[in-house]
C-alpha atoms as a PDB file:
ATOM      1  CA  UNK A   1      85.516  25.456 132.804  1.00  0.00           C
ATOM      2  CA  UNK A   2      82.994  23.739 134.764  1.00  0.00           C
ATOM      3  CA  UNK A   3      82.412  24.464 138.410  1.00  0.00           C
ATOM      4  CA  UNK A   4      84.260  22.289 141.082  1.00  0.00           C
ATOM      5  CA  UNK A   5      81.581  20.285 142.966  1.00  0.00           C
ATOM      6  CA  UNK A   6      83.950  18.466 145.216  1.00  0.00           C
ATOM      7  CA  UNK A   7      87.417  19.044 146.119  1.00  0.00           C
ATOM      8  CA  UNK A   8      89.673  16.954 148.529  1.00  0.00           C
ATOM      9  CA  UNK A   9      93.195  17.897 149.242  1.00  0.00           C
ATOM     10  CA  UNK A  10      95.536  15.566 151.562  1.00  0.00           C
ATOM     11  CA  UNK A  11      92.998  13.531 153.469  1.00  0.00           C
ATOM     12  CA  UNK A  12      94.375  11.188 155.992  1.00  0.00           C
ATOM     13  CA  UNK A  13      92.543   8.878 158.382  1.00  0.00           C
ATOM     14  CA  UNK A  14      93.598   5.809 160.349  1.00  0.00           C
ATOM     15  CA  UNK A  15      91.722   2.893 161.965  1.00  0.00           C
ATOM     16  CA  UNK A  16      94.017   1.936 164.713  1.00  0.00           C
ATOM     17  CA  UNK A  17      97.378   1.452 163.429  1.00  0.00           C
ATOM     18  CA  UNK A  18      96.140   0.874 159.871  1.00  0.00           C
ATOM     19  CA  UNK A  19      96.122   4.286 157.661  1.00  0.00           C
ATOM     20  CA  UNK A  20      92.870   3.852 155.253  1.00  0.00           C
ATOM     21  CA  UNK A  21      93.414   7.453 153.590  1.00  0.00           C
ATOM     22  CA  UNK A  22      97.006   8.581 153.106  1.00  0.00           C
ATOM     23  CA  UNK A  23      97.278  12.238 151.997  1.00  0.00           C
ATOM     24  CA  UNK A  24      94.423  11.575 149.372  1.00  0.00           C
ATOM     25  CA  UNK A  25      93.541  14.161 146.965  1.00  0.00           C
ATOM     26  CA  UNK A  26      91.045  14.246 144.143  1.00  0.00           C
ATOM     27  CA  UNK A  27      88.597  16.765 142.397  1.00  0.00           C
ATOM     28  CA  UNK A  28      85.202  16.531 140.513  1.00  0.00           C
ATOM     29  CA  UNK A  29      83.551  18.982 138.155  1.00  0.00           C
ATOM     30  CA  UNK A  30      79.919  19.723 137.809  1.00  0.00           C
ATOM     31  CA  UNK A  31      78.012  17.526 135.299  1.00  0.00           C
ATOM     32  CA  UNK A  32      80.811  14.988 135.249  1.00  0.00           C
ATOM     33  CA  UNK A  33      80.513  11.169 135.647  1.00  0.00           C
ATOM     34  CA  UNK A  34      83.692  10.380 137.796  1.00  0.00           C
ATOM     35  CA  UNK A  35      84.723   6.872 138.166  1.00  0.00           C
ATOM     36  CA  UNK A  36      86.785   5.851 141.220  1.00  0.00           C
ATOM     37  CA  UNK A  37      88.517   2.817 140.462  1.00  0.00           C
ATOM     38  CA  UNK A  38      90.793   0.699 142.569  1.00  0.00           C
ATOM     39  CA  UNK A  39      91.332  -2.978 144.445  1.00  0.00           C
ATOM     40  CA  UNK A  40      89.413  -3.758 147.292  1.00  0.00           C
ATOM     41  CA  UNK A  41      90.471  -2.501 150.586  1.00  0.00           C
ATOM     42  CA  UNK A  42      92.267   0.514 149.076  1.00  0.00           C
ATOM     43  CA  UNK A  43      89.840   3.318 150.804  1.00  0.00           C
ATOM     44  CA  UNK A  44      87.303   4.047 148.135  1.00  0.00           C
ATOM     45  CA  UNK A  45      84.306   3.386 150.594  1.00  0.00           C
ATOM     46  CA  UNK A  46      86.026   5.441 153.181  1.00  0.00           C
ATOM     47  CA  UNK A  47      86.528   8.248 150.968  1.00  0.00           C
ATOM     48  CA  UNK A  48      82.968   8.399 149.760  1.00  0.00           C
ATOM     49  CA  UNK A  49      81.764   8.154 153.346  1.00  0.00           C
ATOM     50  CA  UNK A  50      84.084  11.077 154.473  1.00  0.00           C
ATOM     51  CA  UNK A  51      82.370  13.078 151.508  1.00  0.00           C
ATOM     52  CA  UNK A  52      79.345  12.610 153.437  1.00  0.00           C
ATOM     53  CA  UNK A  53      80.744  13.419 156.824  1.00  0.00           C
ATOM     54  CA  UNK A  54      80.052   9.802 157.792  1.00  0.00           C
ATOM     55  CA  UNK A  55      83.778   9.149 158.070  1.00  0.00           C
ATOM     56  CA  UNK A  56      85.959  11.457 160.264  1.00  0.00           C
ATOM     57  CA  UNK A  57      89.424  12.501 158.847  1.00  0.00           C
ATOM     58  CA  UNK A  58      92.490  13.385 160.978  1.00  0.00           C
ATOM     59  CA  UNK A  59      94.144  16.047 158.422  1.00  0.00           C
ATOM     60  CA  UNK A  60      93.534  17.721 155.146  1.00  0.00           C
ATOM     61  CA  UNK A  61      90.619  19.546 153.692  1.00  0.00           C
ATOM     62  CA  UNK A  62      87.594  18.998 151.738  1.00  0.00           C
ATOM     63  CA  UNK A  63      84.568  20.779 150.288  1.00  0.00           C
ATOM     64  CA  UNK A  64      81.386  19.368 148.683  1.00  0.00           C
ATOM     65  CA  UNK A  65      79.207  21.799 147.095  1.00  0.00           C
ATOM     66  CA  UNK A  66      81.192  24.546 148.544  1.00  0.00           C
ATOM     67  CA  UNK A  67      80.445  23.018 152.035  1.00  0.00           C
ATOM     68  CA  UNK A  68      82.929  21.369 154.601  1.00  0.00           C
ATOM     69  CA  UNK A  69      81.322  17.871 155.536  1.00  0.00           C
ATOM     70  CA  UNK A  70      83.054  17.468 158.767  1.00  0.00           C
ATOM     71  CA  UNK A  71      81.640  20.994 159.747  1.00  0.00           C
ATOM     72  CA  UNK A  72      78.350  21.001 158.362  1.00  0.00           C
ATOM     73  CA  UNK A  73      77.139  17.082 157.333  1.00  0.00           C
ATOM     74  CA  UNK A  74      73.699  18.015 157.271  1.00  0.00           C
ATOM     75  CA  UNK A  75      73.670  20.688 154.799  1.00  0.00           C
ATOM     76  CA  UNK A  76      75.870  17.994 152.551  1.00  0.00           C
ATOM     77  CA  UNK A  77      73.558  15.621 153.279  1.00  0.00           C
ATOM     78  CA  UNK A  78      70.603  17.667 151.832  1.00  0.00           C
ATOM     79  CA  UNK A  79      72.087  18.157 148.458  1.00  0.00           C
ATOM     80  CA  UNK A  80      73.822  14.657 148.149  1.00  0.00           C
ATOM     81  CA  UNK A  81      72.337  11.081 147.742  1.00  0.00           C
ATOM     82  CA  UNK A  82      74.425   8.019 148.671  1.00  0.00           C
ATOM     83  CA  UNK A  83      73.477   4.582 147.000  1.00  0.00           C
ATOM     84  CA  UNK A  84      75.870   2.188 149.138  1.00  0.00           C
ATOM     85  CA  UNK A  85      76.829  -1.371 148.096  1.00  0.00           C
ATOM     86  CA  UNK A  86      74.052  -3.640 148.234  1.00  0.00           C
ATOM     87  CA  UNK A  87      71.628  -0.696 148.397  1.00  0.00           C
ATOM     88  CA  UNK A  88      71.038  -1.030 152.156  1.00  0.00           C
ATOM     89  CA  UNK A  89      68.444   1.397 153.297  1.00  0.00           C
ATOM     90  CA  UNK A  90      65.825   0.946 156.263  1.00  0.00           C
ATOM     91  CA  UNK A  91      65.407  -2.926 156.283  1.00  0.00           C
ATOM     92  CA  UNK A  92      62.156  -2.825 157.856  1.00  0.00           C
ATOM     93  CA  UNK A  93      60.344  -0.281 155.438  1.00  0.00           C
ATOM     94  CA  UNK A  94      58.903  -1.046 152.271  1.00  0.00           C
ATOM     95  CA  UNK A  95      59.201   1.025 149.142  1.00  0.00           C
ATOM     96  CA  UNK A  96      56.234   3.007 150.003  1.00  0.00           C
ATOM     97  CA  UNK A  97      57.395   3.832 153.657  1.00  0.00           C
ATOM     98  CA  UNK A  98      60.936   4.800 152.099  1.00  0.00           C
ATOM     99  CA  UNK A  99      59.025   7.126 149.854  1.00  0.00           C
ATOM    100  CA  UNK A 100      57.090   8.747 152.651  1.00  0.00           C
ATOM    101  CA  UNK A 101      60.259   9.390 154.552  1.00  0.00           C
ATOM    102  CA  UNK A 102      62.008  10.719 151.705  1.00  0.00           C
ATOM    103  CA  UNK A 103      59.242  13.107 150.958  1.00  0.00           C
ATOM    104  CA  UNK A 104      59.343  14.284 154.671  1.00  0.00           C
ATOM    105  CA  UNK A 105      63.151  14.735 154.378  1.00  0.00           C
ATOM    106  CA  UNK A 106      63.546  16.202 150.969  1.00  0.00           C
ATOM    107  CA  UNK A 107      61.765  19.519 149.966  1.00  0.00           C
ATOM    108  CA  UNK A 108      62.355  18.734 146.074  1.00  0.00           C
ATOM    109  CA  UNK A 109      61.110  15.009 146.366  1.00  0.00           C
ATOM    110  CA  UNK A 110      59.861  14.071 143.124  1.00  0.00           C
ATOM    111  CA  UNK A 111      57.145  11.257 144.040  1.00  0.00           C
ATOM    112  CA  UNK A 112      56.378  10.483 140.532  1.00  0.00           C
ATOM    113  CA  UNK A 113      60.157   9.630 139.556  1.00  0.00           C
ATOM    114  CA  UNK A 114      60.497   7.444 142.886  1.00  0.00           C
ATOM    115  CA  UNK A 115      57.419   5.274 141.566  1.00  0.00           C
ATOM    116  CA  UNK A 116      58.915   5.137 137.633  1.00  0.00           C
ATOM    117  CA  UNK A 117      62.296   4.326 138.912  1.00  0.00           C
ATOM    118  CA  UNK A 118      60.956   1.368 141.390  1.00  0.00           C
ATOM    119  CA  UNK A 119      58.762  -0.101 138.698  1.00  0.00           C
ATOM    120  CA  UNK A 120      61.889   0.110 136.409  1.00  0.00           C
ATOM    121  CA  UNK A 121      63.902  -1.990 138.597  1.00  0.00           C
ATOM    122  CA  UNK A 122      61.074  -4.371 139.435  1.00  0.00           C
ATOM    123  CA  UNK A 123      60.864  -3.043 143.359  1.00  0.00           C
ATOM    124  CA  UNK A 124      57.696  -4.346 145.047  1.00  0.00           C
ATOM    125  CA  UNK A 125      56.077  -1.499 146.775  1.00  0.00           C
ATOM    126  CA  UNK A 126      54.660  -3.483 149.762  1.00  0.00           C
ATOM    127  CA  UNK A 127      57.512  -5.757 150.758  1.00  0.00           C
ATOM    128  CA  UNK A 128      60.123  -4.870 153.487  1.00  0.00           C
ATOM    129  CA  UNK A 129      63.640  -3.945 152.203  1.00  0.00           C
ATOM    130  CA  UNK A 130      64.943  -7.157 154.179  1.00  0.00           C
ATOM    131  CA  UNK A 131      63.276  -9.415 151.929  1.00  0.00           C
ATOM    132  CA  UNK A 132      63.843  -8.062 148.692  1.00  0.00           C
ATOM    133  CA  UNK A 133      66.621  -9.479 146.335  1.00  0.00           C
ATOM    134  CA  UNK A 134      69.960  -7.746 146.104  1.00  0.00           C
ATOM    135  CA  UNK A 135      68.948  -6.403 142.768  1.00  0.00           C
ATOM    136  CA  UNK A 136      65.690  -5.110 144.082  1.00  0.00           C
ATOM    137  CA  UNK A 137      67.454  -3.322 147.110  1.00  0.00           C
ATOM    138  CA  UNK A 138      69.892  -1.625 144.817  1.00  0.00           C
ATOM    139  CA  UNK A 139      66.594  -0.425 142.730  1.00  0.00           C
ATOM    140  CA  UNK A 140      64.882   0.667 145.818  1.00  0.00           C
ATOM    141  CA  UNK A 141      68.155   3.028 146.902  1.00  0.00           C
ATOM    142  CA  UNK A 142      68.331   4.176 143.344  1.00  0.00           C
ATOM    143  CA  UNK A 143      64.596   5.131 143.370  1.00  0.00           C
ATOM    144  CA  UNK A 144      65.168   7.057 146.627  1.00  0.00           C
ATOM    145  CA  UNK A 145      68.208   8.843 145.226  1.00  0.00           C
ATOM    146  CA  UNK A 146      66.858   9.728 142.451  1.00  0.00           C
ATOM    147  CA  UNK A 147      63.633  11.052 143.611  1.00  0.00           C
ATOM    148  CA  UNK A 148      65.371  13.148 146.123  1.00  0.00           C
ATOM    149  CA  UNK A 149      66.837  15.172 143.276  1.00  0.00           C
ATOM    150  CA  UNK A 150      70.195  15.674 144.493  1.00  0.00           C
ATOM    151  CA  UNK A 151      73.020  17.838 143.083  1.00  0.00           C
ATOM    152  CA  UNK A 152      75.509  15.363 143.556  1.00  0.00           C
ATOM    153  CA  UNK A 153      74.978  11.458 143.415  1.00  0.00           C
ATOM    154  CA  UNK A 154      77.465   8.956 145.154  1.00  0.00           C
ATOM    155  CA  UNK A 155      76.927   5.103 143.993  1.00  0.00           C
ATOM    156  CA  UNK A 156      79.204   2.500 145.618  1.00  0.00           C
ATOM    157  CA  UNK A 157      79.572  -0.389 143.253  1.00  0.00           C
ATOM    158  CA  UNK A 158      76.007   0.231 142.083  1.00  0.00           C
ATOM    159  CA  UNK A 159      75.973  -2.436 139.328  1.00  0.00           C
ATOM    160  CA  UNK A 160      76.723  -5.491 141.738  1.00  0.00           C
ATOM    161  CA  UNK A 161      73.626  -7.676 141.805  1.00  0.00           C
ATOM    162  CA  UNK A 162      71.895  -6.164 138.889  1.00  0.00           C
ATOM    163  CA  UNK A 163      71.061  -8.275 135.761  1.00  0.00           C
ATOM    164  CA  UNK A 164      72.291  -6.910 132.402  1.00  0.00           C
ATOM    165  CA  UNK A 165      68.982  -5.346 131.484  1.00  0.00           C
ATOM    166  CA  UNK A 166      68.825  -3.455 134.839  1.00  0.00           C
ATOM    167  CA  UNK A 167      72.331  -2.450 134.591  1.00  0.00           C
ATOM    168  CA  UNK A 168      72.019  -0.858 131.184  1.00  0.00           C
ATOM    169  CA  UNK A 169      68.846   0.879 132.706  1.00  0.00           C
ATOM    170  CA  UNK A 170      71.017   2.225 135.436  1.00  0.00           C
ATOM    171  CA  UNK A 171      73.801   3.425 133.363  1.00  0.00           C
ATOM    172  CA  UNK A 172      71.227   5.175 131.008  1.00  0.00           C
ATOM    173  CA  UNK A 173      69.775   6.851 133.871  1.00  0.00           C
ATOM    174  CA  UNK A 174      73.118   7.970 135.062  1.00  0.00           C
ATOM    175  CA  UNK A 175      73.832   9.571 131.746  1.00  0.00           C
ATOM    176  CA  UNK A 176      70.591  11.436 131.704  1.00  0.00           C
ATOM    177  CA  UNK A 177      71.073  12.737 135.287  1.00  0.00           C
ATOM    178  CA  UNK A 178      74.657  14.192 134.442  1.00  0.00           C
ATOM    179  CA  UNK A 179      73.311  15.701 131.235  1.00  0.00           C
ATOM    180  CA  UNK A 180      70.685  17.519 133.200  1.00  0.00           C
ATOM    181  CA  UNK A 181      73.545  19.143 135.388  1.00  0.00           C
ATOM    182  CA  UNK A 182      73.825  16.544 138.143  1.00  0.00           C
ATOM    183  CA  UNK A 183      77.287  15.061 139.083  1.00  0.00           C
ATOM    184  CA  UNK A 184      77.952  11.452 139.636  1.00  0.00           C
ATOM    185  CA  UNK A 185      80.810   9.604 141.577  1.00  0.00           C
ATOM    186  CA  UNK A 186      80.780   5.872 141.456  1.00  0.00           C
ATOM    187  CA  UNK A 187      82.994   2.870 142.037  1.00  0.00           C
ATOM    188  CA  UNK A 188      83.035  -0.014 139.969  1.00  0.00           C
ATOM    189  CA  UNK A 189      84.815  -3.225 139.250  1.00  0.00           C
ATOM    190  CA  UNK A 190      83.275  -3.576 135.741  1.00  0.00           C
ATOM    191  CA  UNK A 191      85.759  -1.567 133.419  1.00  0.00           C
ATOM    192  CA  UNK A 192      83.938  -1.943 130.449  1.00  0.00           C
ATOM    193  CA  UNK A 193      80.842  -0.330 132.072  1.00  0.00           C
ATOM    194  CA  UNK A 194      83.006   2.491 133.450  1.00  0.00           C
ATOM    195  CA  UNK A 195      84.688   2.932 129.934  1.00  0.00           C
ATOM    196  CA  UNK A 196      81.499   3.392 128.470  1.00  0.00           C
ATOM    197  CA  UNK A 197      79.709   6.006 130.622  1.00  0.00           C
ATOM    198  CA  UNK A 198      82.405   7.787 132.779  1.00  0.00           C
ATOM    199  CA  UNK A 199      83.699  10.957 131.280  1.00  0.00           C
ATOM    200  CA  UNK A 200      86.349  11.501 134.220  1.00  0.00           C
ATOM    201  CA  UNK A 201      88.241   8.597 136.074  1.00  0.00           C
ATOM    202  CA  UNK A 202      90.447   8.309 139.059  1.00  0.00           C
ATOM    203  CA  UNK A 203      92.927   5.344 140.034  1.00  0.00           C
ATOM    204  CA  UNK A 204      93.110   5.020 143.689  1.00  0.00           C
ATOM    205  CA  UNK A 205      95.668   2.815 145.331  1.00  0.00           C
ATOM    206  CA  UNK A 206      97.001   2.402 149.048  1.00  0.00           C
ATOM    207  CA  UNK A 207      94.457   5.113 150.143  1.00  0.00           C
ATOM    208  CA  UNK A 208      95.327   7.710 147.672  1.00  0.00           C
ATOM    209  CA  UNK A 209      94.162   8.744 144.176  1.00  0.00           C
ATOM    210  CA  UNK A 210      97.538   8.236 142.244  1.00  0.00           C
ATOM    211  CA  UNK A 211      96.027   9.390 138.702  1.00  0.00           C
ATOM    212  CA  UNK A 212      92.778  11.118 137.743  1.00  0.00           C
ATOM    213  CA  UNK A 213      91.617  13.012 134.593  1.00  0.00           C
ATOM    214  CA  UNK A 214      89.370  13.320 131.919  1.00  0.00           C
ATOM    215  CA  UNK A 215      88.891  10.128 130.226  1.00  0.00           C
ATOM    216  CA  UNK A 216      89.568  11.660 126.853  1.00  0.00           C
ATOM    217  CA  UNK A 217      92.725  13.253 128.049  1.00  0.00           C
ATOM    218  CA  UNK A 218      94.022  10.242 129.469  1.00  0.00           C
ATOM    219  CA  UNK A 219      93.301   8.206 126.159  1.00  0.00           C
ATOM    220  CA  UNK A 220      95.405  10.863 124.511  1.00  0.00           C
ATOM    221  CA  UNK A 221      98.150  10.612 127.084  1.00  0.00           C
ATOM    222  CA  UNK A 222      98.400   6.922 127.368  1.00  0.00           C
ATOM    223  CA  UNK A 223      98.605   5.024 124.067  1.00  0.00           C
ATOM    224  CA  UNK A 224      99.153   1.365 122.626  1.00  0.00           C
ATOM    225  CA  UNK A 225     101.711   1.444 119.573  1.00  0.00           C
ATOM    226  CA  UNK A 226     101.884  -1.676 117.560  1.00  0.00           C
ATOM    227  CA  UNK A 227     104.036  -2.368 114.523  1.00  0.00           C
ATOM    228  CA  UNK A 228     103.877  -5.435 112.417  1.00  0.00           C
ATOM    229  CA  UNK A 229     107.351  -6.470 110.350  1.00  0.00           C
ATOM    230  CA  UNK A 230     107.624  -8.877 107.586  1.00  0.00           C
ATOM    231  CA  UNK A 231     110.056 -10.917 110.030  1.00  0.00           C
ATOM    232  CA  UNK A 232     111.257 -10.730 113.434  1.00  0.00           C
ATOM    233  CA  UNK A 233     111.194  -7.169 114.848  1.00  0.00           C
ATOM    234  CA  UNK A 234     114.453  -5.549 113.181  1.00  0.00           C
ATOM    235  CA  UNK A 235     117.404  -5.169 115.383  1.00  0.00           C
ATOM    236  CA  UNK A 236     117.519  -1.396 115.170  1.00  0.00           C
ATOM    237  CA  UNK A 237     113.824  -0.968 116.583  1.00  0.00           C
ATOM    238  CA  UNK A 238     114.610  -3.570 119.244  1.00  0.00           C
ATOM    239  CA  UNK A 239     117.729  -1.711 120.453  1.00  0.00           C
ATOM    240  CA  UNK A 240     116.140   1.763 120.465  1.00  0.00           C
ATOM    241  CA  UNK A 241     113.059   0.139 122.583  1.00  0.00           C
ATOM    242  CA  UNK A 242     115.590  -1.367 124.803  1.00  0.00           C
ATOM    243  CA  UNK A 243     117.528   1.929 125.326  1.00  0.00           C
ATOM    244  CA  UNK A 244     114.299   4.162 125.932  1.00  0.00           C
ATOM    245  CA  UNK A 245     111.600   1.962 127.426  1.00  0.00           C
ATOM    246  CA  UNK A 246     111.319  -0.423 130.327  1.00  0.00           C
ATOM    247  CA  UNK A 247     110.655  -4.356 129.434  1.00  0.00           C
ATOM    248  CA  UNK A 248     107.211  -4.189 131.135  1.00  0.00           C
ATOM    249  CA  UNK A 249     106.149  -1.406 128.672  1.00  0.00           C
ATOM    250  CA  UNK A 250     107.158  -3.602 125.445  1.00  0.00           C
ATOM    251  CA  UNK A 251     105.777  -6.972 124.120  1.00  0.00           C
ATOM    252  CA  UNK A 252     107.651  -8.859 121.206  1.00  0.00           C
ATOM    253  CA  UNK A 253     106.114 -11.720 119.568  1.00  0.00           C
ATOM    254  CA  UNK A 254     107.881 -12.599 116.447  1.00  0.00           C
ATOM    255  CA  UNK A 255     107.278  -9.678 113.983  1.00  0.00           C
ATOM    256  CA  UNK A 256     104.837  -7.724 116.338  1.00  0.00           C
ATOM    257  CA  UNK A 257     106.015  -5.168 118.852  1.00  0.00           C
ATOM    258  CA  UNK A 258     103.457  -3.396 120.827  1.00  0.00           C
ATOM    259  CA  UNK A 259     104.519  -0.601 123.241  1.00  0.00           C
ATOM    260  CA  UNK A 260     102.309   1.048 126.112  1.00  0.00           C
ATOM    261  CA  UNK A 261     103.716   4.618 125.857  1.00  0.00           C
ATOM    262  CA  UNK A 262     102.653   7.826 127.257  1.00  0.00           C
ATOM    263  CA  UNK A 263     102.949  11.426 126.058  1.00  0.00           C
ATOM    264  CA  UNK A 264     104.612  12.162 122.802  1.00  0.00           C
ATOM    265  CA  UNK A 265     105.305   9.183 120.616  1.00  0.00           C
ATOM    266  CA  UNK A 266     106.340  11.173 117.415  1.00  0.00           C
ATOM    267  CA  UNK A 267     110.094   9.826 118.001  1.00  0.00           C
ATOM    268  CA  UNK A 268     108.724   6.191 118.661  1.00  0.00           C
ATOM    269  CA  UNK A 269     106.786   6.346 115.317  1.00  0.00           C
ATOM    270  CA  UNK A 270     109.676   7.565 113.370  1.00  0.00           C
ATOM    271  CA  UNK A 271     111.968   4.712 114.664  1.00  0.00           C
ATOM    272  CA  UNK A 272     109.332   2.278 113.803  1.00  0.00           C
ATOM    273  CA  UNK A 273     108.628   3.650 110.423  1.00  0.00           C
ATOM    274  CA  UNK A 274     112.426   3.746 109.835  1.00  0.00           C
ATOM    275  CA  UNK A 275     112.398   0.023 109.682  1.00  0.00           C
ATOM    276  CA  UNK A 276     109.298  -0.014 107.108  1.00  0.00           C
ATOM    277  CA  UNK A 277     106.690  -1.988 109.002  1.00  0.00           C
ATOM    278  CA  UNK A 278     103.812  -3.573 107.038  1.00  0.00           C
ATOM    279  CA  UNK A 279     101.560  -2.183 109.694  1.00  0.00           C
ATOM    280  CA  UNK A 280     101.501   0.340 112.306  1.00  0.00           C
ATOM    281  CA  UNK A 281      98.688   1.425 114.583  1.00  0.00           C
ATOM    282  CA  UNK A 282      98.659   3.987 117.440  1.00  0.00           C
ATOM    283  CA  UNK A 283      95.681   3.410 119.544  1.00  0.00           C
ATOM    284  CA  UNK A 284      94.193   4.809 122.982  1.00  0.00           C
ATOM    285  CA  UNK A 285      95.015   2.310 125.685  1.00  0.00           C
ATOM    286  CA  UNK A 286      92.446   0.345 126.798  1.00  0.00           C
ATOM    287  CA  UNK A 287      91.107   1.167 130.400  1.00  0.00           C
ATOM    288  CA  UNK A 288      91.837  -2.204 131.610  1.00  0.00           C
ATOM    289  CA  UNK A 289      95.506  -2.056 130.575  1.00  0.00           C
ATOM    290  CA  UNK A 290      95.532   1.510 131.820  1.00  0.00           C
ATOM    291  CA  UNK A 291      94.254   0.151 135.254  1.00  0.00           C
ATOM    292  CA  UNK A 292      96.682  -2.469 135.335  1.00  0.00           C
ATOM    293  CA  UNK A 293      99.624  -0.104 134.687  1.00  0.00           C
ATOM    294  CA  UNK A 294      98.484   2.528 137.152  1.00  0.00           C
ATOM    295  CA  UNK A 295      97.776  -0.120 139.879  1.00  0.00           C
ATOM    296  CA  UNK A 296     100.937  -1.840 139.104  1.00  0.00           C
ATOM    297  CA  UNK A 297     103.029   1.337 139.122  1.00  0.00           C
ATOM    298  CA  UNK A 298     103.812   0.783 135.449  1.00  0.00           C
ATOM    299  CA  UNK A 299     102.087   3.732 133.851  1.00  0.00           C
END
């Protein structure tokens, strides 16, 4: 079991009368790439900021690398790097000035890595950040983050504004960073990217993480079962499905029936096989389908 890097329990925060985090809990282990998914306005960015001590919480407990960020935000920031949406840093500073600041603030600063990452993302060294393209600003923020050599890297929609080549370069860098023992938390709306790189995922809705776990475990838990019959789906199968599954989980199209199931599907397979299908397949549920089910309350 890998050490826990981040632990949050029952976090709650409000702005005026609006609840942003609503008894929110999550856990991230060392060396993982944890994707935090959910609709806009559900509290993802607020949660990330709370982990850095940038957002006060009214109730609940959290630790980041064993530190309570609400008590010692400075100690957390020494070991955690944040890449915010759009890569915003110091708008009047060029890349070289950013790197000079980084070298003063971070004892483990890797100047060569800063320059290498900036070059990888096409970041000019002598252009103020406010004049950079969105992709270049993200590249600059990534160069600063990687060069500070954090133990935890937090990225809020990091691929927004990146072209496909630079998007793939980022994903490769994140995989290398995690393989070396670093830990990543990222938010994203590009589920295909997440499915290709994340090994842990959390689904956030209405201010709380409603489901989280290892990607492989969720794939094993949530499945899509499909059977194809010679003619229409037999009445025995249709009757059993009607009695045991809600309509939202079952799709019938002529001779084809598809069921989105969770847990053990042995009995389901026995029922489907008893009607002698032409073909039967059990597949992990794609992340986009699982996302839709969880956020829609149908998992």
